[in-house]
C-alpha atoms as a PDB file:
ATOM      1  CA  PHE A   1     -19.649  14.188  -2.298  1.00  0.00           C
ATOM      2  CA  PRO A   2     -20.271  16.012  -5.571  1.00  0.00           C
ATOM      3  CA  SER A   3     -19.577  13.649  -8.440  1.00  0.00           C
ATOM      4  CA  HIS A   4     -19.397  13.391 -12.204  1.00  0.00           C
ATOM      5  CA  ASP A   5     -18.808  10.572 -14.713  1.00  0.00           C
ATOM      6  CA  ILE A   6     -15.579  10.304 -16.670  1.00  0.00           C
ATOM      7  CA  THR A   7     -13.918   8.023 -19.174  1.00  0.00           C
ATOM      8  CA  ASN A   8     -10.226   7.875 -18.486  1.00  0.00           C
ATOM      9  CA  HIS A   9      -6.979   6.072 -19.160  1.00  0.00           C
ATOM     10  CA  ILE A  10      -5.375   5.253 -15.784  1.00  0.00           C
ATOM     11  CA  SER A  11      -2.332   3.470 -14.464  1.00  0.00           C
ATOM     12  CA  ILE A  12      -2.161   1.686 -11.106  1.00  0.00           C
ATOM     13  CA  LEU A  13       0.353   3.356  -8.764  1.00  0.00           C
ATOM     14  CA  LYS A  14      -0.195   1.340  -5.602  1.00  0.00           C
ATOM     15  CA  THR A  15      -2.154  -1.778  -4.708  1.00  0.00           C
ATOM     16  CA  THR A  16      -3.175  -2.563  -1.132  1.00  0.00           C
ATOM     17  CA  THR A  17      -4.806  -5.921  -0.422  1.00  0.00           C
ATOM     18  CA  HIS A  18      -5.240  -5.891   3.357  1.00  0.00           C
ATOM     19  CA  PRO A  19      -7.686  -5.273   4.935  1.00  0.00           C
ATOM     20  CA  LYS A  20      -9.485  -4.700   1.613  1.00  0.00           C
ATOM     21  CA  LEU A  21      -8.541  -4.290  -2.021  1.00  0.00           C
ATOM     22  CA  ARG A  22      -7.718  -0.660  -2.765  1.00  0.00           C
ATOM     23  CA  TYR A  23      -5.778   1.078  -5.518  1.00  0.00           C
ATOM     24  CA  GLU A  24      -4.174   4.448  -5.974  1.00  0.00           C
ATOM     25  CA  VAL A  25      -4.381   5.346  -9.647  1.00  0.00           C
ATOM     26  CA  GLN A  26      -3.133   8.177 -11.824  1.00  0.00           C
ATOM     27  CA  ASP A  27      -4.840   9.507 -14.935  1.00  0.00           C
ATOM     28  CA  GLU A  28      -3.119  10.902 -18.026  1.00  0.00           C
ATOM     29  CA  ASN A  29      -3.262  14.429 -16.535  1.00  0.00           C
ATOM     30  CA  GLY A  30      -1.280  13.359 -13.472  1.00  0.00           C
ATOM     31  CA  ASN A  31      -4.258  13.454 -11.076  1.00  0.00           C
ATOM     32  CA  ILE A  32      -4.214  10.783  -8.367  1.00  0.00           C
ATOM     33  CA  PHE A  33      -7.386   9.050  -7.155  1.00  0.00           C
ATOM     34  CA  ARG A  34      -8.229   6.338  -4.652  1.00  0.00           C
ATOM     35  CA  TRP A  35     -10.265   3.391  -5.936  1.00  0.00           C
ATOM     36  CA  ASN A  36     -11.840   1.074  -3.353  1.00  0.00           C
ATOM     37  CA  ALA A  37     -12.230  -1.936  -5.615  1.00  0.00           C
ATOM     38  CA  LYS A  38     -15.012  -4.468  -5.249  1.00  0.00           C
ATOM     39  CA  ASN A  39     -15.452  -7.461  -7.558  1.00  0.00           C
ATOM     40  CA  THR A  40     -12.334  -6.437  -9.462  1.00  0.00           C
ATOM     41  CA  PRO A  41      -9.411  -8.653 -10.450  1.00  0.00           C
ATOM     42  CA  LEU A  42      -6.170  -8.057  -8.575  1.00  0.00           C
ATOM     43  CA  LEU A  43      -4.111  -5.559 -10.590  1.00  0.00           C
ATOM     44  CA  ALA A  44      -0.386  -5.069 -10.113  1.00  0.00           C
ATOM     45  CA  PRO A  45       1.226  -1.624  -9.929  1.00  0.00           C
ATOM     46  CA  GLY A  46       2.068  -0.447 -13.431  1.00  0.00           C
ATOM     47  CA  SER A  47      -1.096  -1.947 -14.955  1.00  0.00           C
ATOM     48  CA  GLU A  48      -2.924   0.359 -17.358  1.00  0.00           C
ATOM     49  CA  LEU A  49      -6.673   0.493 -17.991  1.00  0.00           C
ATOM     50  CA  ASP A  50      -9.328   2.445 -19.848  1.00  0.00           C
ATOM     51  CA  ILE A  51     -12.241   2.924 -17.466  1.00  0.00           C
ATOM     52  CA  LEU A  52     -15.634   4.548 -17.116  1.00  0.00           C
ATOM     53  CA  SER A  53     -16.171   5.716 -13.558  1.00  0.00           C
ATOM     54  CA  ARG A  54     -17.635   8.324 -11.298  1.00  0.00           C
ATOM     55  CA  ILE A  55     -15.310  10.754  -9.492  1.00  0.00           C
ATOM     56  CA  HIS A  56     -16.257  11.925  -6.016  1.00  0.00           C
ATOM     57  CA  THR A  57     -14.452  15.003  -4.763  1.00  0.00           C
ATOM     58  CA  TYR A  58     -14.169  15.759  -1.067  1.00  0.00           C
ATOM     59  CA  GLN A  59     -16.235  18.461   0.587  1.00  0.00           C
ATOM     60  CA  PRO A  60     -14.897  20.826   3.262  1.00  0.00           C
ATOM     61  CA  PRO A  61     -16.052  20.211   6.838  1.00  0.00           C
ATOM     62  CA  THR A  62     -19.356  21.772   7.824  1.00  0.00           C
ATOM     63  CA  ASN A  63     -18.881  21.677  11.611  1.00  0.00           C
ATOM     64  CA  PRO A  64     -16.064  23.102  13.728  1.00  0.00           C
ATOM     65  CA  GLY A  65     -13.699  20.299  14.732  1.00  0.00           C
ATOM     66  CA  GLU A  66     -14.923  17.976  11.977  1.00  0.00           C
ATOM     67  CA  PHE A  67     -12.261  16.041  10.074  1.00  0.00           C
ATOM     68  CA  ASP A  68     -11.034  18.062   7.082  1.00  0.00           C
ATOM     69  CA  MET A  69     -11.044  15.409   4.335  1.00  0.00           C
ATOM     70  CA  PRO A  70     -10.080  17.783   1.473  1.00  0.00           C
ATOM     71  CA  ARG A  71      -7.024  18.922   3.416  1.00  0.00           C
ATOM     72  CA  TYR A  72      -6.013  15.355   4.243  1.00  0.00           C
ATOM     73  CA  ALA A  73      -6.549  14.222   0.633  1.00  0.00           C
ATOM     74  CA  LYS A  74      -4.421  17.131  -0.613  1.00  0.00           C
ATOM     75  CA  SER A  75      -1.620  16.149   1.788  1.00  0.00           C
ATOM     76  CA  GLN A  76      -1.779  12.625   0.318  1.00  0.00           C
ATOM     77  CA  GLY A  77      -1.841  13.981  -3.244  1.00  0.00           C
ATOM     78  CA  LEU A  78      -5.384  12.671  -3.839  1.00  0.00           C
ATOM     79  CA  LEU A  79      -7.933  14.521  -5.949  1.00  0.00           C
ATOM     80  CA  GLY A  80     -10.885  12.261  -5.128  1.00  0.00           C
ATOM     81  CA  THR A  81     -12.303   8.747  -5.059  1.00  0.00           C
ATOM     82  CA  LEU A  82     -13.374   6.630  -8.023  1.00  0.00           C
ATOM     83  CA  THR A  83     -16.602   4.636  -7.718  1.00  0.00           C
ATOM     84  CA  GLN A  84     -18.772   2.583 -10.058  1.00  0.00           C
ATOM     85  CA  VAL A  85     -15.674   1.704 -12.072  1.00  0.00           C
ATOM     86  CA  LYS A  86     -16.248  -0.227 -15.283  1.00  0.00           C
ATOM     87  CA  ILE A  87     -13.106  -1.501 -16.972  1.00  0.00           C
ATOM     88  CA  ARG A  88     -13.369  -0.839 -20.707  1.00  0.00           C
ATOM     89  CA  LYS A  89      -9.944  -2.094 -21.779  1.00  0.00           C
ATOM     90  CA  ARG A  90      -7.065  -3.703 -19.932  1.00  0.00           C
ATOM     91  CA  TYR A  91      -3.583  -3.250 -21.393  1.00  0.00           C
ATOM     92  CA  PRO A  92      -0.902  -5.896 -20.859  1.00  0.00           C
ATOM     93  CA  PRO A  93       1.495  -4.948 -18.068  1.00  0.00           C
ATOM     94  CA  PRO A  94       5.075  -4.090 -18.950  1.00  0.00           C
ATOM     95  CA  PRO A  95       7.214  -7.238 -19.198  1.00  0.00           C
ATOM     96  CA  TRP A  96       9.237  -6.462 -16.080  1.00  0.00           C
ATOM     97  CA  SER A  97       9.609  -3.559 -13.709  1.00  0.00           C
ATOM     98  CA  ILE A  98      11.144  -3.135 -10.286  1.00  0.00           C
ATOM     99  CA  ARG A  99       7.804  -1.893  -8.937  1.00  0.00           C
ATOM    100  CA  GLN A 100       5.997  -5.062 -10.062  1.00  0.00           C
ATOM    101  CA  PHE A 101       8.801  -7.253  -8.716  1.00  0.00           C
ATOM    102  CA  ALA A 102       8.608  -5.531  -5.315  1.00  0.00           C
ATOM    103  CA  TRP A 103       4.822  -5.807  -5.256  1.00  0.00           C
ATOM    104  CA  LYS A 104       4.882  -9.526  -6.139  1.00  0.00           C
ATOM    105  CA  LEU A 105       7.538 -10.192  -3.502  1.00  0.00           C
ATOM    106  CA  HIS A 106       5.511  -8.231  -0.942  1.00  0.00           C
ATOM    107  CA  GLN A 107       2.359 -10.223  -1.816  1.00  0.00           C
ATOM    108  CA  ARG A 108       4.309 -13.500  -1.617  1.00  0.00           C
ATOM    109  CA  ILE A 109       5.576 -12.632   1.880  1.00  0.00           C
ATOM    110  CA  ILE A 110       2.042 -11.758   3.008  1.00  0.00           C
ATOM    111  CA  MET A 111       0.570 -15.002   1.610  1.00  0.00           C
ATOM    112  CA  THR A 112       3.344 -17.154   3.119  1.00  0.00           C
ATOM    113  CA  ASN A 113       2.902 -15.449   6.467  1.00  0.00           C
ATOM    114  CA  HIS A 114      -0.863 -16.113   6.421  1.00  0.00           C
ATOM    115  CA  HIS A 115      -0.234 -19.792   5.616  1.00  0.00           C
ATOM    116  CA  LEU A 116       2.282 -20.245   8.461  1.00  0.00           C
ATOM    117  CA  LEU A 117       0.603 -18.371  11.323  1.00  0.00           C
ATOM    118  CA  PRO A 118      -2.982 -18.267  12.618  1.00  0.00           C
ATOM    119  CA  PRO A 119      -4.991 -15.126  11.714  1.00  0.00           C
ATOM    120  CA  PRO A 120      -4.350 -12.621  14.503  1.00  0.00           C
ATOM    121  CA  TYR A 121      -0.648 -13.445  14.810  1.00  0.00           C
ATOM    122  CA  ALA A 122       0.007 -13.366  11.068  1.00  0.00           C
ATOM    123  CA  ASP A 123      -1.403  -9.845  10.834  1.00  0.00           C
ATOM    124  CA  ILE A 124       0.526  -8.626  13.858  1.00  0.00           C
ATOM    125  CA  LEU A 125       3.808  -9.948  12.448  1.00  0.00           C
ATOM    126  CA  LEU A 126       3.024  -8.140   9.170  1.00  0.00           C
ATOM    127  CA  GLY A 127       2.381  -4.978  11.180  1.00  0.00           C
ATOM    128  CA  PHE A 128       5.782  -5.290  12.846  1.00  0.00           C
ATOM    129  CA  VAL A 129       7.572  -5.797   9.526  1.00  0.00           C
ATOM    130  CA  PHE A 130       5.670  -3.633   7.017  1.00  0.00           C
ATOM    131  CA  GLY A 131       3.701  -1.179   9.148  1.00  0.00           C
ATOM    132  CA  ASN A 132      -0.018  -1.144   9.807  1.00  0.00           C
ATOM    133  CA  GLN A 133      -1.224  -0.660   6.209  1.00  0.00           C
ATOM    134  CA  ASP A 134      -0.986  -4.439   5.770  1.00  0.00           C
ATOM    135  CA  ILE A 135      -2.612  -5.669   8.951  1.00  0.00           C
ATOM    136  CA  ASP A 136      -6.201  -6.728   9.443  1.00  0.00           C
ATOM    137  CA  THR A 137      -6.567  -6.895  13.211  1.00  0.00           C
ATOM    138  CA  THR A 138      -9.866  -6.786  15.021  1.00  0.00           C
ATOM    139  CA  GLU A 139     -11.028  -3.716  16.939  1.00  0.00           C
ATOM    140  CA  ASP A 140     -10.216  -5.567  20.190  1.00  0.00           C
ATOM    141  CA  TRP A 141      -6.591  -6.104  19.179  1.00  0.00           C
ATOM    142  CA  SER A 142      -6.229  -2.481  18.098  1.00  0.00           C
ATOM    143  CA  ASP A 143      -7.754  -1.295  21.387  1.00  0.00           C
ATOM    144  CA  GLU A 144      -5.447  -3.571  23.382  1.00  0.00           C
ATOM    145  CA  PHE A 145      -2.369  -2.242  21.568  1.00  0.00           C
ATOM    146  CA  GLN A 146      -3.520   1.319  22.269  1.00  0.00           C
ATOM    147  CA  ALA A 147      -4.266   0.562  25.937  1.00  0.00           C
ATOM    148  CA  LEU A 148      -0.830  -1.006  26.395  1.00  0.00           C
ATOM    149  CA  GLY A 149       0.895   1.835  24.540  1.00  0.00           C
ATOM    150  CA  LEU A 150       2.268  -0.494  21.851  1.00  0.00           C
ATOM    151  CA  THR A 151       0.654   1.048  18.754  1.00  0.00           C
ATOM    152  CA  HIS A 152       4.039   2.463  17.732  1.00  0.00           C
ATOM    153  CA  LEU A 153       5.196  -1.099  17.026  1.00  0.00           C
ATOM    154  CA  LEU A 154       2.678  -1.415  14.179  1.00  0.00           C
ATOM    155  CA  VAL A 155       3.862   1.547  12.103  1.00  0.00           C
ATOM    156  CA  VAL A 156       6.951   1.845   9.934  1.00  0.00           C
ATOM    157  CA  SER A 157       9.668   3.146  12.214  1.00  0.00           C
ATOM    158  CA  GLY A 158      13.381   3.277  12.758  1.00  0.00           C
ATOM    159  CA  ALA A 159      13.186   0.119  14.872  1.00  0.00           C
ATOM    160  CA  GLN A 160      11.819  -1.861  11.930  1.00  0.00           C
ATOM    161  CA  ILE A 161      14.449  -0.465   9.600  1.00  0.00           C
ATOM    162  CA  ALA A 162      17.192  -1.271  12.131  1.00  0.00           C
ATOM    163  CA  LEU A 163      15.853  -4.816  12.545  1.00  0.00           C
ATOM    164  CA  LEU A 164      15.818  -5.398   8.794  1.00  0.00           C
ATOM    165  CA  SER A 165      19.241  -3.759   8.366  1.00  0.00           C
ATOM    166  CA  THR A 166      20.826  -5.941  11.005  1.00  0.00           C
ATOM    167  CA  SER A 167      19.215  -9.111   9.662  1.00  0.00           C
ATOM    168  CA  LEU A 168      20.181  -8.390   6.058  1.00  0.00           C
ATOM    169  CA  LEU A 169      23.696  -7.257   6.944  1.00  0.00           C
ATOM    170  CA  THR A 170      24.267 -10.421   8.990  1.00  0.00           C
ATOM    171  CA  LEU A 171      23.037 -12.517   6.084  1.00  0.00           C
ATOM    172  CA  LEU A 172      25.206 -10.623   3.576  1.00  0.00           C
ATOM    173  CA  THR A 173      28.359 -10.950   5.687  1.00  0.00           C
ATOM    174  CA  MET A 174      27.883 -14.711   5.586  1.00  0.00           C
ATOM    175  CA  PHE A 175      28.382 -14.465   1.809  1.00  0.00           C
ATOM    176  CA  ARG A 176      31.519 -12.331   2.312  1.00  0.00           C
ATOM    177  CA  LEU A 177      30.276  -9.522   0.069  1.00  0.00           C
ATOM    178  CA  PRO A 178      32.240  -6.246  -0.078  1.00  0.00           C
ATOM    179  CA  ILE A 179      30.777  -3.425   2.009  1.00  0.00           C
ATOM    180  CA  TRP A 180      29.762  -1.396  -1.072  1.00  0.00           C
ATOM    181  CA  ALA A 181      27.779  -4.379  -2.435  1.00  0.00           C
ATOM    182  CA  SER A 182      26.095  -4.932   0.935  1.00  0.00           C
ATOM    183  CA  GLY A 183      25.178  -1.237   1.095  1.00  0.00           C
ATOM    184  CA  GLY A 184      23.710  -1.377  -2.402  1.00  0.00           C
ATOM    185  CA  ILE A 185      21.606  -4.409  -1.529  1.00  0.00           C
ATOM    186  CA  LEU A 186      20.390  -2.796   1.716  1.00  0.00           C
ATOM    187  CA  GLY A 187      19.473   0.406  -0.134  1.00  0.00           C
ATOM    188  CA  SER A 188      17.574  -1.598  -2.737  1.00  0.00           C
ATOM    189  CA  ALA A 189      15.694  -3.494  -0.017  1.00  0.00           C
ATOM    190  CA  TYR A 190      14.571  -0.200   1.557  1.00  0.00           C
ATOM    191  CA  ALA A 191      13.452   1.157  -1.782  1.00  0.00           C
ATOM    192  CA  LEU A 192      11.415  -1.981  -2.455  1.00  0.00           C
ATOM    193  CA  PHE A 193       9.617  -2.266   0.857  1.00  0.00           C
ATOM    194  CA  TYR A 194       9.364   1.264   2.207  1.00  0.00           C
END
């Protein structure tokens, strides 16, 4: 990884808390970086910071058949990884945004799920509902799902969307909402969670 130090103003685009705290951030030039945060307070999407950090860019593979990290990062829109981040200034978040509301609701669902179910089952249920970016299963569980051919259940798919659609539509018909209102609520739910 070649690297260099920068001082930058960034905004948090995405926060992932499971299995570890990780952010996707954007600088004022529109470049997107991944930040694997350690010993950092939990920051909501939309938060803005002035930081001093080191940028690591990805090197092309040196062996035939080796994973091409620069190509993958480019497909994800990532320019590199931030390390040794020192927060210089933290700006107050905007008073309210749909992105922050969705993130807080998502975090609340995850926390409630972890309080109600024991560890492996809580993570598997989260995998069924939100896809595998939120699950923290052991290697054994992952291997068992692969051996049984059930890995497809842990990624965002049409089955999950159909399950949520049916559940929400059933709930909304109980309130006797017009079809256009139900459709608007369903569309908003998809935008928030997927």
